[in-house]
Amino acid sequence: MAKTTHRARPRKPLIDLEPPPREKKLGSLTSREQDVVELIWAGFKSKEIGQRLKISAKTVEAHRANMMKKMRVANMAELLRTAIQGGILRIQ
């Protein structure tokens, strides 16, 4: 009797786990988060950003953490690179 082999078909995932495109997340930054990322790009520290925007350094850190979460990045270099690629920051 001939041996029959069955090939398993690749399973399709039940849900799409791919993150949404970054462009959508970049557009979801608040105007205050955009202000903060621009000042980070300009080289200001959290305390200095807070003084300029009349918010606490802790609030600046909260905005920074929110942006990193929205953009799905792990560090400031990735945040700035993603902001440049997304057109939020412009290199002059």
PDB file of N, CA and C in Angstrom:
ATOM      1  N   MET A   1       0.842  -1.166   0.000  1.00  0.00           N
ATOM      2  CA  MET A   1       0.000   0.000   0.000  1.00  0.00           C
ATOM      3  C   MET A   1       0.898   1.243   0.000  1.00  0.00           C
ATOM      4  N   ALA A   2       0.569   2.223  -0.822  1.00  0.00           N
ATOM      5  CA  ALA A   2       1.376   3.434  -0.942  1.00  0.00           C
ATOM      6  C   ALA A   2       1.167   4.315   0.279  1.00  0.00           C
ATOM      7  N   LYS A   3       2.252   4.897   0.707  1.00  0.00           N
ATOM      8  CA  LYS A   3       2.196   5.782   1.867  1.00  0.00           C
ATOM      9  C   LYS A   3       1.722   7.167   1.415  1.00  0.00           C
ATOM     10  N   THR A   4       0.736   7.687   2.079  1.00  0.00           N
ATOM     11  CA  THR A   4       0.186   8.991   1.736  1.00  0.00           C
ATOM     12  C   THR A   4       0.779  10.037   2.670  1.00  0.00           C
ATOM     13  N   THR A   5       1.249  11.113   2.106  1.00  0.00           N
ATOM     14  CA  THR A   5       1.758  12.198   2.946  1.00  0.00           C
ATOM     15  C   THR A   5       0.808  13.380   2.841  1.00  0.00           C
ATOM     16  N   HIS A   6       0.562  13.964   3.947  1.00  0.00           N
ATOM     17  CA  HIS A   6      -0.310  15.140   4.000  1.00  0.00           C
ATOM     18  C   HIS A   6       0.552  16.342   4.341  1.00  0.00           C
ATOM     19  N   ARG A   7       0.380  17.352   3.563  1.00  0.00           N
ATOM     20  CA  ARG A   7       1.092  18.588   3.863  1.00  0.00           C
ATOM     21  C   ARG A   7       0.139  19.530   4.570  1.00  0.00           C
ATOM     22  N   ALA A   8       0.610  20.023   5.651  1.00  0.00           N
ATOM     23  CA  ALA A   8      -0.216  20.977   6.394  1.00  0.00           C
ATOM     24  C   ALA A   8      -0.195  22.316   5.666  1.00  0.00           C
ATOM     25  N   ARG A   9      -1.359  22.888   5.522  1.00  0.00           N
ATOM     26  CA  ARG A   9      -1.447  24.215   4.923  1.00  0.00           C
ATOM     27  C   ARG A   9      -1.092  25.248   5.985  1.00  0.00           C
ATOM     28  N   PRO A  10      -0.405  26.293   5.571  1.00  0.00           N
ATOM     29  CA  PRO A  10      -0.107  27.334   6.556  1.00  0.00           C
ATOM     30  C   PRO A  10      -1.407  27.938   7.085  1.00  0.00           C
ATOM     31  N   ARG A  11      -1.443  28.102   8.383  1.00  0.00           N
ATOM     32  CA  ARG A  11      -2.637  28.694   8.999  1.00  0.00           C
ATOM     33  C   ARG A  11      -2.628  30.191   8.823  1.00  0.00           C
ATOM     34  N   LYS A  12      -3.785  30.718   8.564  1.00  0.00           N
ATOM     35  CA  LYS A  12      -3.933  32.166   8.526  1.00  0.00           C
ATOM     36  C   LYS A  12      -4.180  32.630   9.952  1.00  0.00           C
ATOM     37  N   PRO A  13      -3.574  33.739  10.342  1.00  0.00           N
ATOM     38  CA  PRO A  13      -3.838  34.238  11.691  1.00  0.00           C
ATOM     39  C   PRO A  13      -5.305  34.640  11.834  1.00  0.00           C
ATOM     40  N   LEU A  14      -5.812  34.463  13.028  1.00  0.00           N
ATOM     41  CA  LEU A  14      -7.208  34.817  13.284  1.00  0.00           C
ATOM     42  C   LEU A  14      -7.420  36.326  13.293  1.00  0.00           C
ATOM     43  N   ILE A  15      -6.389  37.030  13.712  1.00  0.00           N
ATOM     44  CA  ILE A  15      -6.473  38.491  13.710  1.00  0.00           C
ATOM     45  C   ILE A  15      -5.197  39.044  13.095  1.00  0.00           C
ATOM     46  N   ASP A  16      -5.278  40.238  12.596  1.00  0.00           N
ATOM     47  CA  ASP A  16      -4.118  40.893  12.007  1.00  0.00           C
ATOM     48  C   ASP A  16      -3.354  41.594  13.117  1.00  0.00           C
ATOM     49  N   LEU A  17      -2.159  41.119  13.410  1.00  0.00           N
ATOM     50  CA  LEU A  17      -1.365  41.688  14.488  1.00  0.00           C
ATOM     51  C   LEU A  17      -0.403  42.767  14.004  1.00  0.00           C
ATOM     52  N   GLU A  18      -0.439  43.081  12.739  1.00  0.00           N
ATOM     53  CA  GLU A  18       0.436  44.118  12.214  1.00  0.00           C
ATOM     54  C   GLU A  18       0.035  45.467  12.801  1.00  0.00           C
ATOM     55  N   PRO A  19       1.015  46.250  13.245  1.00  0.00           N
ATOM     56  CA  PRO A  19       0.668  47.575  13.753  1.00  0.00           C
ATOM     57  C   PRO A  19       0.193  48.466  12.614  1.00  0.00           C
ATOM     58  N   PRO A  20      -0.649  49.436  12.927  1.00  0.00           N
ATOM     59  CA  PRO A  20      -1.084  50.352  11.882  1.00  0.00           C
ATOM     60  C   PRO A  20       0.117  51.128  11.343  1.00  0.00           C
ATOM     61  N   PRO A  21       0.029  51.640  10.135  1.00  0.00           N
ATOM     62  CA  PRO A  21       1.161  52.382   9.576  1.00  0.00           C
ATOM     63  C   PRO A  21       1.548  53.550  10.464  1.00  0.00           C
ATOM     64  N   ARG A  22       2.835  53.868  10.495  1.00  0.00           N
ATOM     65  CA  ARG A  22       3.319  54.945  11.355  1.00  0.00           C
ATOM     66  C   ARG A  22       2.721  56.294  10.989  1.00  0.00           C
ATOM     67  N   GLU A  23       2.400  56.493   9.720  1.00  0.00           N
ATOM     68  CA  GLU A  23       1.842  57.785   9.319  1.00  0.00           C
ATOM     69  C   GLU A  23       0.594  58.111  10.130  1.00  0.00           C
ATOM     70  N   LYS A  24      -0.212  57.115  10.409  1.00  0.00           N
ATOM     71  CA  LYS A  24      -1.426  57.348  11.189  1.00  0.00           C
ATOM     72  C   LYS A  24      -1.071  57.769  12.602  1.00  0.00           C
ATOM     73  N   LYS A  25      -0.054  57.154  13.166  1.00  0.00           N
ATOM     74  CA  LYS A  25       0.341  57.498  14.523  1.00  0.00           C
ATOM     75  C   LYS A  25       0.965  58.883  14.578  1.00  0.00           C
ATOM     76  N   LEU A  26       1.744  59.234  13.563  1.00  0.00           N
ATOM     77  CA  LEU A  26       2.358  60.552  13.553  1.00  0.00           C
ATOM     78  C   LEU A  26       1.295  61.633  13.540  1.00  0.00           C
ATOM     79  N   GLY A  27       0.234  61.408  12.793  1.00  0.00           N
ATOM     80  CA  GLY A  27      -0.850  62.371  12.733  1.00  0.00           C
ATOM     81  C   GLY A  27      -1.632  62.463  14.023  1.00  0.00           C
ATOM     82  N   SER A  28      -1.449  61.476  14.891  1.00  0.00           N
ATOM     83  CA  SER A  28      -2.205  61.476  16.136  1.00  0.00           C
ATOM     84  C   SER A  28      -1.481  62.214  17.261  1.00  0.00           C
ATOM     85  N   LEU A  29      -0.317  62.799  16.970  1.00  0.00           N
ATOM     86  CA  LEU A  29       0.361  63.589  17.993  1.00  0.00           C
ATOM     87  C   LEU A  29      -0.439  64.863  18.251  1.00  0.00           C
ATOM     88  N   THR A  30      -0.551  65.206  19.519  1.00  0.00           N
ATOM     89  CA  THR A  30      -1.227  66.458  19.863  1.00  0.00           C
ATOM     90  C   THR A  30      -0.321  67.628  19.495  1.00  0.00           C
ATOM     91  N   SER A  31      -0.891  68.812  19.448  1.00  0.00           N
ATOM     92  CA  SER A  31      -0.072  69.988  19.131  1.00  0.00           C
ATOM     93  C   SER A  31       0.991  70.196  20.203  1.00  0.00           C
ATOM     94  N   ARG A  32       0.669  69.891  21.445  1.00  0.00           N
ATOM     95  CA  ARG A  32       1.644  70.029  22.533  1.00  0.00           C
ATOM     96  C   ARG A  32       2.777  69.016  22.377  1.00  0.00           C
ATOM     97  N   GLU A  33       2.438  67.784  21.980  1.00  0.00           N
ATOM     98  CA  GLU A  33       3.475  66.776  21.744  1.00  0.00           C
ATOM     99  C   GLU A  33       4.376  67.206  20.590  1.00  0.00           C
ATOM    100  N   GLN A  34       3.783  67.819  19.570  1.00  0.00           N
ATOM    101  CA  GLN A  34       4.588  68.322  18.453  1.00  0.00           C
ATOM    102  C   GLN A  34       5.520  69.434  18.918  1.00  0.00           C
ATOM    103  N   ASP A  35       5.017  70.315  19.804  1.00  0.00           N
ATOM    104  CA  ASP A  35       5.869  71.364  20.370  1.00  0.00           C
ATOM    105  C   ASP A  35       7.043  70.742  21.118  1.00  0.00           C
ATOM    106  N   VAL A  36       6.756  69.736  21.926  1.00  0.00           N
ATOM    107  CA  VAL A  36       7.792  69.086  22.737  1.00  0.00           C
ATOM    108  C   VAL A  36       8.839  68.428  21.845  1.00  0.00           C
ATOM    109  N   VAL A  37       8.416  67.689  20.832  1.00  0.00           N
ATOM    110  CA  VAL A  37       9.393  67.001  19.978  1.00  0.00           C
ATOM    111  C   VAL A  37      10.248  68.011  19.206  1.00  0.00           C
ATOM    112  N   GLU A  38       9.679  69.134  18.821  1.00  0.00           N
ATOM    113  CA  GLU A  38      10.468  70.171  18.146  1.00  0.00           C
ATOM    114  C   GLU A  38      11.536  70.736  19.077  1.00  0.00           C
ATOM    115  N   LEU A  39      11.181  70.937  20.339  1.00  0.00           N
ATOM    116  CA  LEU A  39      12.153  71.466  21.297  1.00  0.00           C
ATOM    117  C   LEU A  39      13.201  70.418  21.674  1.00  0.00           C
ATOM    118  N   ILE A  40      12.808  69.157  21.715  1.00  0.00           N
ATOM    119  CA  ILE A  40      13.790  68.085  21.934  1.00  0.00           C
ATOM    120  C   ILE A  40      14.792  68.101  20.782  1.00  0.00           C
ATOM    121  N   TRP A  41      14.285  68.202  19.554  1.00  0.00           N
ATOM    122  CA  TRP A  41      15.131  68.244  18.367  1.00  0.00           C
ATOM    123  C   TRP A  41      16.086  69.441  18.427  1.00  0.00           C
ATOM    124  N   ALA A  42      15.612  70.560  18.986  1.00  0.00           N
ATOM    125  CA  ALA A  42      16.438  71.764  19.101  1.00  0.00           C
ATOM    126  C   ALA A  42      17.495  71.631  20.198  1.00  0.00           C
ATOM    127  N   GLY A  43      17.428  70.548  20.986  1.00  0.00           N
ATOM    128  CA  GLY A  43      18.467  70.288  21.979  1.00  0.00           C
ATOM    129  C   GLY A  43      18.140  70.694  23.401  1.00  0.00           C
ATOM    130  N   PHE A  44      16.904  71.071  23.657  1.00  0.00           N
ATOM    131  CA  PHE A  44      16.530  71.488  25.005  1.00  0.00           C
ATOM    132  C   PHE A  44      16.286  70.291  25.916  1.00  0.00           C
ATOM    133  N   LYS A  45      16.611  70.449  27.183  1.00  0.00           N
ATOM    134  CA  LYS A  45      16.347  69.441  28.215  1.00  0.00           C
ATOM    135  C   LYS A  45      14.903  69.592  28.688  1.00  0.00           C
ATOM    136  N   SER A  46      14.410  68.569  29.380  1.00  0.00           N
ATOM    137  CA  SER A  46      13.009  68.576  29.842  1.00  0.00           C
ATOM    138  C   SER A  46      12.683  69.810  30.676  1.00  0.00           C
ATOM    139  N   LYS A  47      13.577  70.181  31.573  1.00  0.00           N
ATOM    140  CA  LYS A  47      13.328  71.350  32.426  1.00  0.00           C
ATOM    141  C   LYS A  47      13.219  72.621  31.580  1.00  0.00           C
ATOM    142  N   GLU A  48      14.106  72.757  30.593  1.00  0.00           N
ATOM    143  CA  GLU A  48      14.083  73.931  29.717  1.00  0.00           C
ATOM    144  C   GLU A  48      12.824  73.956  28.852  1.00  0.00           C
ATOM    145  N   ILE A  49      12.429  72.789  28.367  1.00  0.00           N
ATOM    146  CA  ILE A  49      11.199  72.696  27.567  1.00  0.00           C
ATOM    147  C   ILE A  49      10.009  73.101  28.423  1.00  0.00           C
ATOM    148  N   GLY A  50       9.976  72.597  29.641  1.00  0.00           N
ATOM    149  CA  GLY A  50       8.901  72.939  30.560  1.00  0.00           C
ATOM    150  C   GLY A  50       8.812  74.439  30.806  1.00  0.00           C
ATOM    151  N   GLN A  51       9.963  75.073  31.002  1.00  0.00           N
ATOM    152  CA  GLN A  51       9.979  76.519  31.231  1.00  0.00           C
ATOM    153  C   GLN A  51       9.458  77.275  30.008  1.00  0.00           C
ATOM    154  N   ARG A  52       9.863  76.857  28.833  1.00  0.00           N
ATOM    155  CA  ARG A  52       9.422  77.531  27.604  1.00  0.00           C
ATOM    156  C   ARG A  52       7.924  77.361  27.369  1.00  0.00           C
ATOM    157  N   LEU A  53       7.405  76.150  27.673  1.00  0.00           N
ATOM    158  CA  LEU A  53       5.989  75.865  27.415  1.00  0.00           C
ATOM    159  C   LEU A  53       5.100  76.123  28.631  1.00  0.00           C
ATOM    160  N   LYS A  54       5.729  76.527  29.728  1.00  0.00           N
ATOM    161  CA  LYS A  54       5.012  76.795  30.986  1.00  0.00           C
ATOM    162  C   LYS A  54       4.280  75.552  31.497  1.00  0.00           C
ATOM    163  N   ILE A  55       5.010  74.424  31.462  1.00  0.00           N
ATOM    164  CA  ILE A  55       4.534  73.160  32.024  1.00  0.00           C
ATOM    165  C   ILE A  55       5.675  72.573  32.842  1.00  0.00           C
ATOM    166  N   SER A  56       5.379  71.593  33.669  1.00  0.00           N
ATOM    167  CA  SER A  56       6.436  71.000  34.489  1.00  0.00           C
ATOM    168  C   SER A  56       7.299  70.051  33.661  1.00  0.00           C
ATOM    169  N   ALA A  57       8.501  69.797  34.166  1.00  0.00           N
ATOM    170  CA  ALA A  57       9.397  68.835  33.510  1.00  0.00           C
ATOM    171  C   ALA A  57       8.759  67.449  33.499  1.00  0.00           C
ATOM    172  N   LYS A  58       7.977  67.130  34.537  1.00  0.00           N
ATOM    173  CA  LYS A  58       7.273  65.833  34.588  1.00  0.00           C
ATOM    174  C   LYS A  58       6.253  65.729  33.454  1.00  0.00           C
ATOM    175  N   THR A  59       5.577  66.827  33.151  1.00  0.00           N
ATOM    176  CA  THR A  59       4.612  66.829  32.049  1.00  0.00           C
ATOM    177  C   THR A  59       5.337  66.649  30.716  1.00  0.00           C
ATOM    178  N   VAL A  60       6.494  67.268  30.581  1.00  0.00           N
ATOM    179  CA  VAL A  60       7.309  67.079  29.376  1.00  0.00           C
ATOM    180  C   VAL A  60       7.656  65.601  29.230  1.00  0.00           C
ATOM    181  N   GLU A  61       8.081  64.964  30.330  1.00  0.00           N
ATOM    182  CA  GLU A  61       8.421  63.537  30.296  1.00  0.00           C
ATOM    183  C   GLU A  61       7.201  62.690  29.938  1.00  0.00           C
ATOM    184  N   ALA A  62       6.035  63.080  30.416  1.00  0.00           N
ATOM    185  CA  ALA A  62       4.806  62.350  30.081  1.00  0.00           C
ATOM    186  C   ALA A  62       4.507  62.472  28.584  1.00  0.00           C
ATOM    187  N   HIS A  63       4.677  63.669  28.032  1.00  0.00           N
ATOM    188  CA  HIS A  63       4.478  63.855  26.588  1.00  0.00           C
ATOM    189  C   HIS A  63       5.474  63.001  25.804  1.00  0.00           C
ATOM    190  N   ARG A  64       6.711  62.977  26.270  1.00  0.00           N
ATOM    191  CA  ARG A  64       7.749  62.190  25.605  1.00  0.00           C
ATOM    192  C   ARG A  64       7.374  60.705  25.616  1.00  0.00           C
ATOM    193  N   ALA A  65       6.939  60.206  26.760  1.00  0.00           N
ATOM    194  CA  ALA A  65       6.542  58.793  26.878  1.00  0.00           C
ATOM    195  C   ALA A  65       5.338  58.485  25.988  1.00  0.00           C
ATOM    196  N   ASN A  66       4.370  59.392  25.951  1.00  0.00           N
ATOM    197  CA  ASN A  66       3.190  59.193  25.095  1.00  0.00           C
ATOM    198  C   ASN A  66       3.578  59.137  23.619  1.00  0.00           C
ATOM    199  N   MET A  67       4.473  60.020  23.207  1.00  0.00           N
ATOM    200  CA  MET A  67       4.910  60.023  21.809  1.00  0.00           C
ATOM    201  C   MET A  67       5.626  58.722  21.462  1.00  0.00           C
ATOM    202  N   MET A  68       6.486  58.264  22.358  1.00  0.00           N
ATOM    203  CA  MET A  68       7.229  57.032  22.102  1.00  0.00           C
ATOM    204  C   MET A  68       6.283  55.842  21.995  1.00  0.00           C
ATOM    205  N   LYS A  69       5.250  55.843  22.811  1.00  0.00           N
ATOM    206  CA  LYS A  69       4.267  54.758  22.751  1.00  0.00           C
ATOM    207  C   LYS A  69       3.479  54.826  21.440  1.00  0.00           C
ATOM    208  N   LYS A  70       3.001  56.013  21.080  1.00  0.00           N
ATOM    209  CA  LYS A  70       2.227  56.178  19.845  1.00  0.00           C
ATOM    210  C   LYS A  70       3.037  55.783  18.615  1.00  0.00           C
ATOM    211  N   MET A  71       4.307  56.148  18.615  1.00  0.00           N
ATOM    212  CA  MET A  71       5.154  55.902  17.452  1.00  0.00           C
ATOM    213  C   MET A  71       5.832  54.533  17.504  1.00  0.00           C
ATOM    214  N   ARG A  72       5.613  53.832  18.600  1.00  0.00           N
ATOM    215  CA  ARG A  72       6.195  52.492  18.788  1.00  0.00           C
ATOM    216  C   ARG A  72       7.703  52.493  18.601  1.00  0.00           C
ATOM    217  N   VAL A  73       8.341  53.382  19.351  1.00  0.00           N
ATOM    218  CA  VAL A  73       9.799  53.459  19.328  1.00  0.00           C
ATOM    219  C   VAL A  73      10.321  53.234  20.736  1.00  0.00           C
ATOM    220  N   ALA A  74      11.588  52.832  20.826  1.00  0.00           N
ATOM    221  CA  ALA A  74      12.160  52.462  22.117  1.00  0.00           C
ATOM    222  C   ALA A  74      13.066  53.529  22.712  1.00  0.00           C
ATOM    223  N   ASN A  75      13.483  54.498  21.902  1.00  0.00           N
ATOM    224  CA  ASN A  75      14.402  55.506  22.436  1.00  0.00           C
ATOM    225  C   ASN A  75      14.238  56.821  21.674  1.00  0.00           C
ATOM    226  N   MET A  76      14.937  57.841  22.166  1.00  0.00           N
ATOM    227  CA  MET A  76      14.781  59.173  21.583  1.00  0.00           C
ATOM    228  C   MET A  76      15.317  59.258  20.158  1.00  0.00           C
ATOM    229  N   ALA A  77      16.386  58.528  19.870  1.00  0.00           N
ATOM    230  CA  ALA A  77      16.922  58.555  18.505  1.00  0.00           C
ATOM    231  C   ALA A  77      15.870  58.056  17.515  1.00  0.00           C
ATOM    232  N   GLU A  78      15.189  56.980  17.857  1.00  0.00           N
ATOM    233  CA  GLU A  78      14.132  56.447  16.988  1.00  0.00           C
ATOM    234  C   GLU A  78      12.964  57.420  16.893  1.00  0.00           C
ATOM    235  N   LEU A  79      12.633  58.058  18.006  1.00  0.00           N
ATOM    236  CA  LEU A  79      11.541  59.033  18.006  1.00  0.00           C
ATOM    237  C   LEU A  79      11.850  60.173  17.038  1.00  0.00           C
ATOM    238  N   LEU A  80      13.052  60.720  17.133  1.00  0.00           N
ATOM    239  CA  LEU A  80      13.425  61.834  16.268  1.00  0.00           C
ATOM    240  C   LEU A  80      13.508  61.397  14.809  1.00  0.00           C
ATOM    241  N   ARG A  81      14.080  60.230  14.560  1.00  0.00           N
ATOM    242  CA  ARG A  81      14.172  59.726  13.182  1.00  0.00           C
ATOM    243  C   ARG A  81      12.781  59.545  12.582  1.00  0.00           C
ATOM    244  N   THR A  82      11.872  58.957  13.362  1.00  0.00           N
ATOM    245  CA  THR A  82      10.512  58.724  12.886  1.00  0.00           C
ATOM    246  C   THR A  82       9.791  60.048  12.642  1.00  0.00           C
ATOM    247  N   ALA A  83      10.021  61.019  13.517  1.00  0.00           N
ATOM    248  CA  ALA A  83       9.403  62.337  13.344  1.00  0.00           C
ATOM    249  C   ALA A  83       9.929  63.024  12.082  1.00  0.00           C
ATOM    250  N   ILE A  84      11.211  62.851  11.790  1.00  0.00           N
ATOM    251  CA  ILE A  84      11.781  63.430  10.567  1.00  0.00           C
ATOM    252  C   ILE A  84      11.192  62.736   9.346  1.00  0.00           C
ATOM    253  N   GLN A  85      11.177  61.411   9.373  1.00  0.00           N
ATOM    254  CA  GLN A  85      10.646  60.650   8.237  1.00  0.00           C
ATOM    255  C   GLN A  85       9.165  60.936   8.007  1.00  0.00           C
ATOM    256  N   GLY A  86       8.438  61.212   9.094  1.00  0.00           N
ATOM    257  CA  GLY A  86       7.014  61.490   8.982  1.00  0.00           C
ATOM    258  C   GLY A  86       6.683  62.936   8.662  1.00  0.00           C
ATOM    259  N   GLY A  87       7.708  63.779   8.556  1.00  0.00           N
ATOM    260  CA  GLY A  87       7.489  65.170   8.186  1.00  0.00           C
ATOM    261  C   GLY A  87       7.139  66.088   9.340  1.00  0.00           C
ATOM    262  N   ILE A  88       7.192  65.580  10.577  1.00  0.00           N
ATOM    263  CA  ILE A  88       6.913  66.436  11.733  1.00  0.00           C
ATOM    264  C   ILE A  88       8.087  67.380  11.969  1.00  0.00           C
ATOM    265  N   LEU A  89       9.298  66.863  11.823  1.00  0.00           N
ATOM    266  CA  LEU A  89      10.503  67.675  11.973  1.00  0.00           C
ATOM    267  C   LEU A  89      11.147  67.849  10.609  1.00  0.00           C
ATOM    268  N   ARG A  90      11.684  69.026  10.396  1.00  0.00           N
ATOM    269  CA  ARG A  90      12.383  69.290   9.142  1.00  0.00           C
ATOM    270  C   ARG A  90      13.843  69.626   9.461  1.00  0.00           C
ATOM    271  N   ILE A  91      14.742  69.027   8.707  1.00  0.00           N
ATOM    272  CA  ILE A  91      16.165  69.309   8.873  1.00  0.00           C
ATOM    273  C   ILE A  91      16.497  70.504   7.993  1.00  0.00           C
ATOM    274  N   GLN A  92      17.126  71.509   8.606  1.00  0.00           N
ATOM    275  CA  GLN A  92      17.478  72.716   7.835  1.00  0.00           C
ATOM    276  C   GLN A  92      18.964  72.811   7.670  1.00  0.00           C
TER     277      GLN A  92
END
